[in-house]
């Protein structure tokens, strides 16, 4: 078993000194391991999360490996909080070289955010969409990278429907999660067309029974994975540890080989083909336009149209 994500990602010899990275959802699980790996490579790490105590613990862990770090709290269900996070990062003064959109969740109950958007979609897609647009000028100055954690669950969504995102009458947790993960891939596809200062890619982190997300999966899936995770390690050929789950994020954030690859979907540190629905450019454009309106982005804050 790989004990360090940077080793498994093949970037242990990369020097990220002088670079600043923001890892959202970095107080536990895959996000925490991503933050620690990038810190060990020498990056200054901005740790995002909702829990100050956990955030402080990650900052302490980064300090223990010689990394400079700071914690920024924000609840991704609140667009105002996302704007506050962007303001704090811009005020940090060290610029931004990498944004890792890792934060997300699986929610069993149907509810709307204060902005009137279905909660899962708001947290998993709309918040990183808004954050990326607000931080784009800062990233552009550094030729920065955007890394967005999606999931193979995007394949179960079929085509993306934007209907019902203001209503939870027929809410299903698994269906909502899959839809949000498809949105992640489509977002990156359109983002790469508009953002030409650096690479923007999406990824599947693997199947990670040890992550916090695991306990919120539908019962039958959770039970099956739990039984599988109880097998002796050599027999667990289809699941990943939390460290392994961070490897592709670390690869996309640090590898020189990923510098000139953009708009792609990665798995196991390599380009993979997403679903057919995730390659629909018209759907990607519709999602982008819907998200601009839902996030209340002013025209001057929206990334360009990629030359069209």
C-alpha atoms as a PDB file:
ATOM      1  CA  UNK A   1       0.000   0.000   0.000  1.00  0.00           C
ATOM      2  CA  UNK A   2       1.301   3.465  -0.905  1.00  0.00           C
ATOM      3  CA  UNK A   3       1.688   5.566   2.223  1.00  0.00           C
ATOM      4  CA  UNK A   4       2.117   8.911   0.474  1.00  0.00           C
ATOM      5  CA  UNK A   5      -0.075  10.173  -2.340  1.00  0.00           C
ATOM      6  CA  UNK A   6       2.790  11.978  -4.045  1.00  0.00           C
ATOM      7  CA  UNK A   7       4.687   8.697  -4.343  1.00  0.00           C
ATOM      8  CA  UNK A   8       1.730   6.881  -5.886  1.00  0.00           C
ATOM      9  CA  UNK A   9       1.174   9.829  -8.232  1.00  0.00           C
ATOM     10  CA  UNK A  10       4.779   9.669  -9.410  1.00  0.00           C
ATOM     11  CA  UNK A  11       5.532  13.268  -8.409  1.00  0.00           C
ATOM     12  CA  UNK A  12       7.592  12.783  -5.253  1.00  0.00           C
ATOM     13  CA  UNK A  13      10.543  14.564  -6.886  1.00  0.00           C
ATOM     14  CA  UNK A  14       8.510  17.643  -7.942  1.00  0.00           C
ATOM     15  CA  UNK A  15       9.427  20.846  -6.094  1.00  0.00           C
ATOM     16  CA  UNK A  16       6.384  23.054  -5.485  1.00  0.00           C
ATOM     17  CA  UNK A  17       8.245  25.607  -3.399  1.00  0.00           C
ATOM     18  CA  UNK A  18       6.977  29.114  -4.046  1.00  0.00           C
ATOM     19  CA  UNK A  19       3.577  27.897  -5.217  1.00  0.00           C
ATOM     20  CA  UNK A  20       0.290  28.363  -3.371  1.00  0.00           C
ATOM     21  CA  UNK A  21      -2.540  25.851  -3.578  1.00  0.00           C
ATOM     22  CA  UNK A  22      -6.098  25.933  -2.278  1.00  0.00           C
ATOM     23  CA  UNK A  23      -7.629  22.557  -1.459  1.00  0.00           C
ATOM     24  CA  UNK A  24     -11.334  22.715  -0.667  1.00  0.00           C
ATOM     25  CA  UNK A  25     -12.795  20.122   1.686  1.00  0.00           C
ATOM     26  CA  UNK A  26      -9.302  19.524   3.062  1.00  0.00           C
ATOM     27  CA  UNK A  27     -10.085  18.781   6.701  1.00  0.00           C
ATOM     28  CA  UNK A  28     -10.613  15.036   6.239  1.00  0.00           C
ATOM     29  CA  UNK A  29     -10.405  12.148   3.797  1.00  0.00           C
ATOM     30  CA  UNK A  30      -9.108  12.597   0.275  1.00  0.00           C
ATOM     31  CA  UNK A  31      -8.868  16.374   0.611  1.00  0.00           C
ATOM     32  CA  UNK A  32      -6.692  16.121   3.696  1.00  0.00           C
ATOM     33  CA  UNK A  33      -4.344  13.653   2.018  1.00  0.00           C
ATOM     34  CA  UNK A  34      -4.170  15.905  -1.053  1.00  0.00           C
ATOM     35  CA  UNK A  35      -3.261  18.895   1.105  1.00  0.00           C
ATOM     36  CA  UNK A  36      -0.604  16.962   3.017  1.00  0.00           C
ATOM     37  CA  UNK A  37       0.970  15.605  -0.158  1.00  0.00           C
ATOM     38  CA  UNK A  38       1.195  19.028  -1.785  1.00  0.00           C
ATOM     39  CA  UNK A  39       2.596  20.465   1.433  1.00  0.00           C
ATOM     40  CA  UNK A  40       5.302  17.795   1.521  1.00  0.00           C
ATOM     41  CA  UNK A  41       6.215  18.840  -2.026  1.00  0.00           C
ATOM     42  CA  UNK A  42       6.874  22.346  -0.704  1.00  0.00           C
ATOM     43  CA  UNK A  43       3.666  24.188  -1.618  1.00  0.00           C
ATOM     44  CA  UNK A  44       2.012  26.718   0.615  1.00  0.00           C
ATOM     45  CA  UNK A  45      -1.404  25.181   1.320  1.00  0.00           C
ATOM     46  CA  UNK A  46      -4.649  27.015   1.941  1.00  0.00           C
ATOM     47  CA  UNK A  47      -6.891  24.557   3.749  1.00  0.00           C
ATOM     48  CA  UNK A  48     -10.636  24.945   3.368  1.00  0.00           C
ATOM     49  CA  UNK A  49     -13.341  23.309   5.444  1.00  0.00           C
ATOM     50  CA  UNK A  50     -16.314  23.937   7.702  1.00  0.00           C
ATOM     51  CA  UNK A  51     -14.818  22.766  11.012  1.00  0.00           C
ATOM     52  CA  UNK A  52     -12.238  25.084  12.585  1.00  0.00           C
ATOM     53  CA  UNK A  53     -10.877  22.413  14.915  1.00  0.00           C
ATOM     54  CA  UNK A  54     -10.267  19.968  12.081  1.00  0.00           C
ATOM     55  CA  UNK A  55      -8.859  22.759   9.964  1.00  0.00           C
ATOM     56  CA  UNK A  56      -6.387  23.681  12.686  1.00  0.00           C
ATOM     57  CA  UNK A  57      -5.354  20.028  12.951  1.00  0.00           C
ATOM     58  CA  UNK A  58      -4.542  19.875   9.228  1.00  0.00           C
ATOM     59  CA  UNK A  59      -2.594  23.133   9.434  1.00  0.00           C
ATOM     60  CA  UNK A  60      -0.618  21.646  12.352  1.00  0.00           C
ATOM     61  CA  UNK A  61       0.025  18.459  10.363  1.00  0.00           C
ATOM     62  CA  UNK A  62       1.303  20.541   7.454  1.00  0.00           C
ATOM     63  CA  UNK A  63       3.532  22.563   9.768  1.00  0.00           C
ATOM     64  CA  UNK A  64       4.968  19.281  11.058  1.00  0.00           C
ATOM     65  CA  UNK A  65       6.230  18.480   7.545  1.00  0.00           C
ATOM     66  CA  UNK A  66       7.637  21.967   7.093  1.00  0.00           C
ATOM     67  CA  UNK A  67       4.803  23.410   5.011  1.00  0.00           C
ATOM     68  CA  UNK A  68       3.335  26.880   5.376  1.00  0.00           C
ATOM     69  CA  UNK A  69      -0.444  26.670   5.680  1.00  0.00           C
ATOM     70  CA  UNK A  70      -3.547  28.605   6.637  1.00  0.00           C
ATOM     71  CA  UNK A  71      -7.140  27.597   7.270  1.00  0.00           C
ATOM     72  CA  UNK A  72     -10.171  29.289   5.707  1.00  0.00           C
ATOM     73  CA  UNK A  73     -13.668  28.367   6.840  1.00  0.00           C
ATOM     74  CA  UNK A  74     -16.642  28.424   4.464  1.00  0.00           C
ATOM     75  CA  UNK A  75     -19.913  26.549   4.168  1.00  0.00           C
ATOM     76  CA  UNK A  76     -20.392  25.662   0.490  1.00  0.00           C
ATOM     77  CA  UNK A  77     -24.166  25.674   0.893  1.00  0.00           C
ATOM     78  CA  UNK A  78     -23.892  29.456   1.145  1.00  0.00           C
ATOM     79  CA  UNK A  79     -22.932  31.453  -1.941  1.00  0.00           C
ATOM     80  CA  UNK A  80     -22.044  34.389   0.304  1.00  0.00           C
ATOM     81  CA  UNK A  81     -19.620  32.137   2.175  1.00  0.00           C
ATOM     82  CA  UNK A  82     -18.041  31.059  -1.123  1.00  0.00           C
ATOM     83  CA  UNK A  83     -17.604  34.714  -2.060  1.00  0.00           C
ATOM     84  CA  UNK A  84     -16.022  35.318   1.328  1.00  0.00           C
ATOM     85  CA  UNK A  85     -13.588  32.450   0.742  1.00  0.00           C
ATOM     86  CA  UNK A  86     -12.607  33.920  -2.631  1.00  0.00           C
ATOM     87  CA  UNK A  87     -12.081  37.325  -1.011  1.00  0.00           C
ATOM     88  CA  UNK A  88      -9.879  35.772   1.670  1.00  0.00           C
ATOM     89  CA  UNK A  89      -7.756  33.916  -0.878  1.00  0.00           C
ATOM     90  CA  UNK A  90      -7.320  37.048  -2.993  1.00  0.00           C
ATOM     91  CA  UNK A  91      -6.368  39.019   0.119  1.00  0.00           C
ATOM     92  CA  UNK A  92      -3.797  36.392   1.051  1.00  0.00           C
ATOM     93  CA  UNK A  93      -1.251  38.142  -1.140  1.00  0.00           C
ATOM     94  CA  UNK A  94       0.667  35.116  -2.400  1.00  0.00           C
ATOM     95  CA  UNK A  95      -1.438  34.548  -5.506  1.00  0.00           C
ATOM     96  CA  UNK A  96      -2.813  31.127  -6.394  1.00  0.00           C
ATOM     97  CA  UNK A  97      -1.121  28.480  -8.517  1.00  0.00           C
ATOM     98  CA  UNK A  98      -3.509  25.547  -8.037  1.00  0.00           C
ATOM     99  CA  UNK A  99      -7.182  25.273  -7.101  1.00  0.00           C
ATOM    100  CA  UNK A 100      -8.304  21.796  -6.105  1.00  0.00           C
ATOM    101  CA  UNK A 101     -12.110  21.658  -6.072  1.00  0.00           C
ATOM    102  CA  UNK A 102     -12.400  18.685  -3.757  1.00  0.00           C
ATOM    103  CA  UNK A 103     -15.216  19.655  -1.380  1.00  0.00           C
ATOM    104  CA  UNK A 104     -18.525  17.882  -1.832  1.00  0.00           C
ATOM    105  CA  UNK A 105     -20.906  15.510  -0.214  1.00  0.00           C
ATOM    106  CA  UNK A 106     -23.744  13.033  -0.420  1.00  0.00           C
ATOM    107  CA  UNK A 107     -26.969  14.142   1.240  1.00  0.00           C
ATOM    108  CA  UNK A 108     -29.865  11.813   1.926  1.00  0.00           C
ATOM    109  CA  UNK A 109     -32.505  14.464   2.603  1.00  0.00           C
ATOM    110  CA  UNK A 110     -33.900  16.779  -0.040  1.00  0.00           C
ATOM    111  CA  UNK A 111     -33.618  20.478   0.765  1.00  0.00           C
ATOM    112  CA  UNK A 112     -32.942  23.815  -0.835  1.00  0.00           C
ATOM    113  CA  UNK A 113     -30.172  26.250  -0.015  1.00  0.00           C
ATOM    114  CA  UNK A 114     -30.909  29.850   0.887  1.00  0.00           C
ATOM    115  CA  UNK A 115     -30.430  30.635  -2.820  1.00  0.00           C
ATOM    116  CA  UNK A 116     -33.250  28.209  -3.653  1.00  0.00           C
ATOM    117  CA  UNK A 117     -31.054  25.556  -5.286  1.00  0.00           C
ATOM    118  CA  UNK A 118     -31.155  21.826  -4.527  1.00  0.00           C
ATOM    119  CA  UNK A 119     -28.564  21.293  -1.793  1.00  0.00           C
ATOM    120  CA  UNK A 120     -26.432  18.533  -3.350  1.00  0.00           C
ATOM    121  CA  UNK A 121     -26.138  20.383  -6.650  1.00  0.00           C
ATOM    122  CA  UNK A 122     -25.382  23.653  -4.865  1.00  0.00           C
ATOM    123  CA  UNK A 123     -22.579  22.212  -2.746  1.00  0.00           C
ATOM    124  CA  UNK A 124     -21.047  19.843  -5.307  1.00  0.00           C
ATOM    125  CA  UNK A 125     -21.326  21.986  -8.438  1.00  0.00           C
ATOM    126  CA  UNK A 126     -22.520  25.552  -7.945  1.00  0.00           C
ATOM    127  CA  UNK A 127     -20.078  26.393  -5.137  1.00  0.00           C
ATOM    128  CA  UNK A 128     -16.934  25.269  -7.019  1.00  0.00           C
ATOM    129  CA  UNK A 129     -18.290  26.894 -10.193  1.00  0.00           C
ATOM    130  CA  UNK A 130     -18.609  30.218  -8.383  1.00  0.00           C
ATOM    131  CA  UNK A 131     -15.291  29.883  -6.556  1.00  0.00           C
ATOM    132  CA  UNK A 132     -13.422  29.057  -9.758  1.00  0.00           C
ATOM    133  CA  UNK A 133     -14.871  32.038 -11.605  1.00  0.00           C
ATOM    134  CA  UNK A 134     -14.104  34.411  -8.744  1.00  0.00           C
ATOM    135  CA  UNK A 135     -10.526  33.155  -8.441  1.00  0.00           C
ATOM    136  CA  UNK A 136      -9.902  32.901 -12.189  1.00  0.00           C
ATOM    137  CA  UNK A 137      -8.091  36.273 -12.464  1.00  0.00           C
ATOM    138  CA  UNK A 138      -5.763  35.275  -9.623  1.00  0.00           C
ATOM    139  CA  UNK A 139      -5.147  31.867 -11.179  1.00  0.00           C
ATOM    140  CA  UNK A 140      -4.603  33.356 -14.631  1.00  0.00           C
ATOM    141  CA  UNK A 141      -1.773  35.559 -13.391  1.00  0.00           C
ATOM    142  CA  UNK A 142       0.087  32.416 -12.316  1.00  0.00           C
ATOM    143  CA  UNK A 143      -0.975  30.199 -15.213  1.00  0.00           C
ATOM    144  CA  UNK A 144      -2.684  28.228 -12.482  1.00  0.00           C
ATOM    145  CA  UNK A 145      -4.221  24.780 -12.609  1.00  0.00           C
ATOM    146  CA  UNK A 146      -7.824  23.869 -11.777  1.00  0.00           C
ATOM    147  CA  UNK A 147      -8.454  20.339 -10.532  1.00  0.00           C
ATOM    148  CA  UNK A 148     -12.047  19.211  -9.919  1.00  0.00           C
ATOM    149  CA  UNK A 149     -12.962  15.967  -8.165  1.00  0.00           C
ATOM    150  CA  UNK A 150     -15.870  14.215  -9.864  1.00  0.00           C
ATOM    151  CA  UNK A 151     -16.736  10.500  -9.741  1.00  0.00           C
ATOM    152  CA  UNK A 152     -17.506   7.499 -11.885  1.00  0.00           C
ATOM    153  CA  UNK A 153     -21.001   7.952 -10.430  1.00  0.00           C
ATOM    154  CA  UNK A 154     -21.476  10.573 -13.156  1.00  0.00           C
ATOM    155  CA  UNK A 155     -22.196   7.697 -15.563  1.00  0.00           C
ATOM    156  CA  UNK A 156     -25.377   6.813 -13.699  1.00  0.00           C
ATOM    157  CA  UNK A 157     -26.903  10.234 -14.295  1.00  0.00           C
ATOM    158  CA  UNK A 158     -27.671   9.772 -17.977  1.00  0.00           C
ATOM    159  CA  UNK A 159     -28.038  13.154 -19.646  1.00  0.00           C
ATOM    160  CA  UNK A 160     -27.971  16.264 -17.481  1.00  0.00           C
ATOM    161  CA  UNK A 161     -31.377  17.665 -16.626  1.00  0.00           C
ATOM    162  CA  UNK A 162     -31.522  21.111 -15.072  1.00  0.00           C
ATOM    163  CA  UNK A 163     -35.209  20.694 -14.320  1.00  0.00           C
ATOM    164  CA  UNK A 164     -35.983  20.129 -10.671  1.00  0.00           C
ATOM    165  CA  UNK A 165     -32.965  21.995  -9.321  1.00  0.00           C
ATOM    166  CA  UNK A 166     -35.321  24.464  -7.647  1.00  0.00           C
ATOM    167  CA  UNK A 167     -37.580  21.714  -6.293  1.00  0.00           C
ATOM    168  CA  UNK A 168     -36.984  18.678  -4.071  1.00  0.00           C
ATOM    169  CA  UNK A 169     -40.410  17.068  -4.314  1.00  0.00           C
ATOM    170  CA  UNK A 170     -38.968  13.973  -6.009  1.00  0.00           C
ATOM    171  CA  UNK A 171     -35.547  14.072  -4.393  1.00  0.00           C
ATOM    172  CA  UNK A 172     -33.353  10.975  -4.304  1.00  0.00           C
ATOM    173  CA  UNK A 173     -29.929  11.227  -2.703  1.00  0.00           C
ATOM    174  CA  UNK A 174     -28.122   8.894  -5.094  1.00  0.00           C
ATOM    175  CA  UNK A 175     -29.708  10.438  -8.197  1.00  0.00           C
ATOM    176  CA  UNK A 176     -28.845  13.943  -6.973  1.00  0.00           C
ATOM    177  CA  UNK A 177     -25.250  12.951  -6.272  1.00  0.00           C
ATOM    178  CA  UNK A 178     -24.778  11.382  -9.711  1.00  0.00           C
ATOM    179  CA  UNK A 179     -26.257  14.456 -11.378  1.00  0.00           C
ATOM    180  CA  UNK A 180     -23.866  16.740  -9.502  1.00  0.00           C
ATOM    181  CA  UNK A 181     -20.874  14.602 -10.493  1.00  0.00           C
ATOM    182  CA  UNK A 182     -21.915  14.747 -14.153  1.00  0.00           C
ATOM    183  CA  UNK A 183     -22.126  18.508 -13.738  1.00  0.00           C
ATOM    184  CA  UNK A 184     -18.525  18.517 -12.471  1.00  0.00           C
ATOM    185  CA  UNK A 185     -17.271  16.923 -15.688  1.00  0.00           C
ATOM    186  CA  UNK A 186     -19.355  19.174 -17.921  1.00  0.00           C
ATOM    187  CA  UNK A 187     -18.225  22.226 -15.966  1.00  0.00           C
ATOM    188  CA  UNK A 188     -14.579  21.346 -16.547  1.00  0.00           C
ATOM    189  CA  UNK A 189     -15.232  20.750 -20.242  1.00  0.00           C
ATOM    190  CA  UNK A 190     -16.641  24.251 -20.672  1.00  0.00           C
ATOM    191  CA  UNK A 191     -14.106  25.765 -18.268  1.00  0.00           C
ATOM    192  CA  UNK A 192     -11.205  24.434 -20.334  1.00  0.00           C
ATOM    193  CA  UNK A 193     -12.687  26.140 -23.396  1.00  0.00           C
ATOM    194  CA  UNK A 194     -12.872  29.485 -21.623  1.00  0.00           C
ATOM    195  CA  UNK A 195      -9.773  29.349 -19.422  1.00  0.00           C
ATOM    196  CA  UNK A 196      -6.588  29.200 -21.462  1.00  0.00           C
ATOM    197  CA  UNK A 197      -4.014  30.286 -18.867  1.00  0.00           C
ATOM    198  CA  UNK A 198      -3.509  26.774 -17.521  1.00  0.00           C
ATOM    199  CA  UNK A 199      -5.005  23.282 -17.420  1.00  0.00           C
ATOM    200  CA  UNK A 200      -8.448  22.458 -16.032  1.00  0.00           C
ATOM    201  CA  UNK A 201      -9.306  18.796 -15.553  1.00  0.00           C
ATOM    202  CA  UNK A 202     -11.751  16.546 -13.712  1.00  0.00           C
ATOM    203  CA  UNK A 203     -11.061  13.208 -12.071  1.00  0.00           C
ATOM    204  CA  UNK A 204     -12.433  10.089 -10.454  1.00  0.00           C
ATOM    205  CA  UNK A 205     -10.603   9.497  -7.145  1.00  0.00           C
ATOM    206  CA  UNK A 206     -11.404   5.799  -6.936  1.00  0.00           C
ATOM    207  CA  UNK A 207     -13.682   3.740  -4.724  1.00  0.00           C
ATOM    208  CA  UNK A 208     -12.655   4.649  -1.195  1.00  0.00           C
ATOM    209  CA  UNK A 209     -14.523   2.863   1.612  1.00  0.00           C
ATOM    210  CA  UNK A 210     -12.397   4.739   4.150  1.00  0.00           C
ATOM    211  CA  UNK A 211     -13.705   8.158   3.134  1.00  0.00           C
ATOM    212  CA  UNK A 212     -16.397  10.059   5.019  1.00  0.00           C
ATOM    213  CA  UNK A 213     -18.524   9.989   1.869  1.00  0.00           C
ATOM    214  CA  UNK A 214     -18.753   6.197   2.081  1.00  0.00           C
ATOM    215  CA  UNK A 215     -21.047   6.169   5.085  1.00  0.00           C
ATOM    216  CA  UNK A 216     -23.679   8.189   3.225  1.00  0.00           C
ATOM    217  CA  UNK A 217     -24.012   5.865   0.237  1.00  0.00           C
ATOM    218  CA  UNK A 218     -27.275   3.975  -0.323  1.00  0.00           C
ATOM    219  CA  UNK A 219     -27.578   0.980   1.991  1.00  0.00           C
ATOM    220  CA  UNK A 220     -27.028  -1.835  -0.554  1.00  0.00           C
ATOM    221  CA  UNK A 221     -23.940  -0.150  -2.032  1.00  0.00           C
ATOM    222  CA  UNK A 222     -22.538   0.645   1.406  1.00  0.00           C
ATOM    223  CA  UNK A 223     -23.088  -2.918   2.601  1.00  0.00           C
ATOM    224  CA  UNK A 224     -21.427  -4.452  -0.446  1.00  0.00           C
ATOM    225  CA  UNK A 225     -18.402  -2.180  -0.186  1.00  0.00           C
ATOM    226  CA  UNK A 226     -18.204  -2.785   3.558  1.00  0.00           C
ATOM    227  CA  UNK A 227     -18.012  -6.525   3.038  1.00  0.00           C
ATOM    228  CA  UNK A 228     -15.410  -6.029   0.331  1.00  0.00           C
ATOM    229  CA  UNK A 229     -13.337  -3.698   2.516  1.00  0.00           C
ATOM    230  CA  UNK A 230     -13.256  -6.373   5.228  1.00  0.00           C
ATOM    231  CA  UNK A 231     -11.398  -8.759   2.931  1.00  0.00           C
ATOM    232  CA  UNK A 232      -7.638  -9.202   3.322  1.00  0.00           C
ATOM    233  CA  UNK A 233      -5.834  -6.309   1.632  1.00  0.00           C
ATOM    234  CA  UNK A 234      -4.335  -8.381  -1.239  1.00  0.00           C
ATOM    235  CA  UNK A 235      -7.873  -9.293  -2.318  1.00  0.00           C
ATOM    236  CA  UNK A 236      -9.106  -5.692  -2.419  1.00  0.00           C
ATOM    237  CA  UNK A 237      -8.243  -5.078  -6.037  1.00  0.00           C
ATOM    238  CA  UNK A 238     -11.234  -2.832  -6.798  1.00  0.00           C
ATOM    239  CA  UNK A 239     -11.103  -0.376  -3.885  1.00  0.00           C
ATOM    240  CA  UNK A 240      -8.647   2.282  -2.816  1.00  0.00           C
ATOM    241  CA  UNK A 241      -7.299   3.702   0.411  1.00  0.00           C
ATOM    242  CA  UNK A 242      -7.824   7.377   1.218  1.00  0.00           C
ATOM    243  CA  UNK A 243      -4.197   8.015   0.275  1.00  0.00           C
ATOM    244  CA  UNK A 244      -4.678   6.292  -3.081  1.00  0.00           C
ATOM    245  CA  UNK A 245      -7.847   8.305  -3.576  1.00  0.00           C
ATOM    246  CA  UNK A 246      -5.773  11.497  -3.416  1.00  0.00           C
ATOM    247  CA  UNK A 247      -3.182  10.396  -5.973  1.00  0.00           C
ATOM    248  CA  UNK A 248      -4.881  11.644  -9.134  1.00  0.00           C
ATOM    249  CA  UNK A 249      -5.638  15.036  -7.569  1.00  0.00           C
ATOM    250  CA  UNK A 250      -1.986  15.337  -6.562  1.00  0.00           C
ATOM    251  CA  UNK A 251      -0.853  14.244 -10.022  1.00  0.00           C
ATOM    252  CA  UNK A 252      -2.990  16.881 -11.751  1.00  0.00           C
ATOM    253  CA  UNK A 253      -1.880  19.561  -9.298  1.00  0.00           C
ATOM    254  CA  UNK A 254       1.845  18.837  -9.501  1.00  0.00           C
ATOM    255  CA  UNK A 255       2.942  16.727 -12.450  1.00  0.00           C
ATOM    256  CA  UNK A 256       4.809  18.423 -15.318  1.00  0.00           C
ATOM    257  CA  UNK A 257       3.125  15.865 -17.603  1.00  0.00           C
ATOM    258  CA  UNK A 258      -0.299  17.354 -16.731  1.00  0.00           C
ATOM    259  CA  UNK A 259       0.766  20.902 -17.500  1.00  0.00           C
ATOM    260  CA  UNK A 260      -0.474  20.922 -21.105  1.00  0.00           C
ATOM    261  CA  UNK A 261      -3.489  18.615 -20.802  1.00  0.00           C
ATOM    262  CA  UNK A 262      -6.826  20.332 -20.319  1.00  0.00           C
ATOM    263  CA  UNK A 263     -10.552  19.596 -20.454  1.00  0.00           C
ATOM    264  CA  UNK A 264     -10.033  15.912 -19.744  1.00  0.00           C
ATOM    265  CA  UNK A 265     -11.349  13.350 -17.266  1.00  0.00           C
ATOM    266  CA  UNK A 266      -8.706  11.381 -15.373  1.00  0.00           C
ATOM    267  CA  UNK A 267      -8.652   8.110 -13.481  1.00  0.00           C
ATOM    268  CA  UNK A 268      -5.567   6.521 -11.899  1.00  0.00           C
ATOM    269  CA  UNK A 269      -3.422   9.458 -13.064  1.00  0.00           C
ATOM    270  CA  UNK A 270      -4.299   8.881 -16.717  1.00  0.00           C
ATOM    271  CA  UNK A 271      -6.826  10.269 -19.175  1.00  0.00           C
ATOM    272  CA  UNK A 272     -10.025   8.201 -19.271  1.00  0.00           C
ATOM    273  CA  UNK A 273     -13.185   8.518 -21.340  1.00  0.00           C
ATOM    274  CA  UNK A 274     -16.134   9.936 -19.388  1.00  0.00           C
ATOM    275  CA  UNK A 275     -19.715   9.077 -20.282  1.00  0.00           C
ATOM    276  CA  UNK A 276     -21.207  10.204 -23.572  1.00  0.00           C
ATOM    277  CA  UNK A 277     -23.397  12.685 -21.685  1.00  0.00           C
ATOM    278  CA  UNK A 278     -20.268  14.192 -20.119  1.00  0.00           C
ATOM    279  CA  UNK A 279     -18.910  14.964 -23.608  1.00  0.00           C
ATOM    280  CA  UNK A 280     -21.969  16.967 -24.687  1.00  0.00           C
ATOM    281  CA  UNK A 281     -20.715  20.483 -25.455  1.00  0.00           C
ATOM    282  CA  UNK A 282     -24.216  21.914 -25.732  1.00  0.00           C
ATOM    283  CA  UNK A 283     -25.111  20.558 -22.303  1.00  0.00           C
ATOM    284  CA  UNK A 284     -21.884  22.016 -20.928  1.00  0.00           C
ATOM    285  CA  UNK A 285     -22.772  25.437 -22.316  1.00  0.00           C
ATOM    286  CA  UNK A 286     -26.343  25.251 -20.960  1.00  0.00           C
ATOM    287  CA  UNK A 287     -25.020  24.258 -17.538  1.00  0.00           C
ATOM    288  CA  UNK A 288     -22.564  27.150 -17.559  1.00  0.00           C
ATOM    289  CA  UNK A 289     -25.271  29.682 -18.453  1.00  0.00           C
ATOM    290  CA  UNK A 290     -27.654  28.267 -15.832  1.00  0.00           C
ATOM    291  CA  UNK A 291     -24.882  28.390 -13.210  1.00  0.00           C
ATOM    292  CA  UNK A 292     -24.000  32.018 -13.977  1.00  0.00           C
ATOM    293  CA  UNK A 293     -27.599  33.000 -13.281  1.00  0.00           C
ATOM    294  CA  UNK A 294     -28.007  30.748 -10.234  1.00  0.00           C
ATOM    295  CA  UNK A 295     -24.769  31.985  -8.675  1.00  0.00           C
ATOM    296  CA  UNK A 296     -25.654  35.616  -9.343  1.00  0.00           C
ATOM    297  CA  UNK A 297     -22.362  36.270 -11.110  1.00  0.00           C
ATOM    298  CA  UNK A 298     -21.929  39.749 -12.530  1.00  0.00           C
ATOM    299  CA  UNK A 299     -20.920  39.770 -16.229  1.00  0.00           C
ATOM    300  CA  UNK A 300     -17.454  41.111 -15.475  1.00  0.00           C
ATOM    301  CA  UNK A 301     -16.817  38.190 -13.087  1.00  0.00           C
ATOM    302  CA  UNK A 302     -17.593  35.476 -15.648  1.00  0.00           C
ATOM    303  CA  UNK A 303     -14.803  33.833 -17.597  1.00  0.00           C
ATOM    304  CA  UNK A 304     -14.790  34.621 -21.317  1.00  0.00           C
ATOM    305  CA  UNK A 305     -16.549  32.614 -23.983  1.00  0.00           C
ATOM    306  CA  UNK A 306     -13.450  30.949 -25.357  1.00  0.00           C
ATOM    307  CA  UNK A 307     -13.416  32.968 -28.530  1.00  0.00           C
ATOM    308  CA  UNK A 308     -16.915  32.206 -29.739  1.00  0.00           C
END
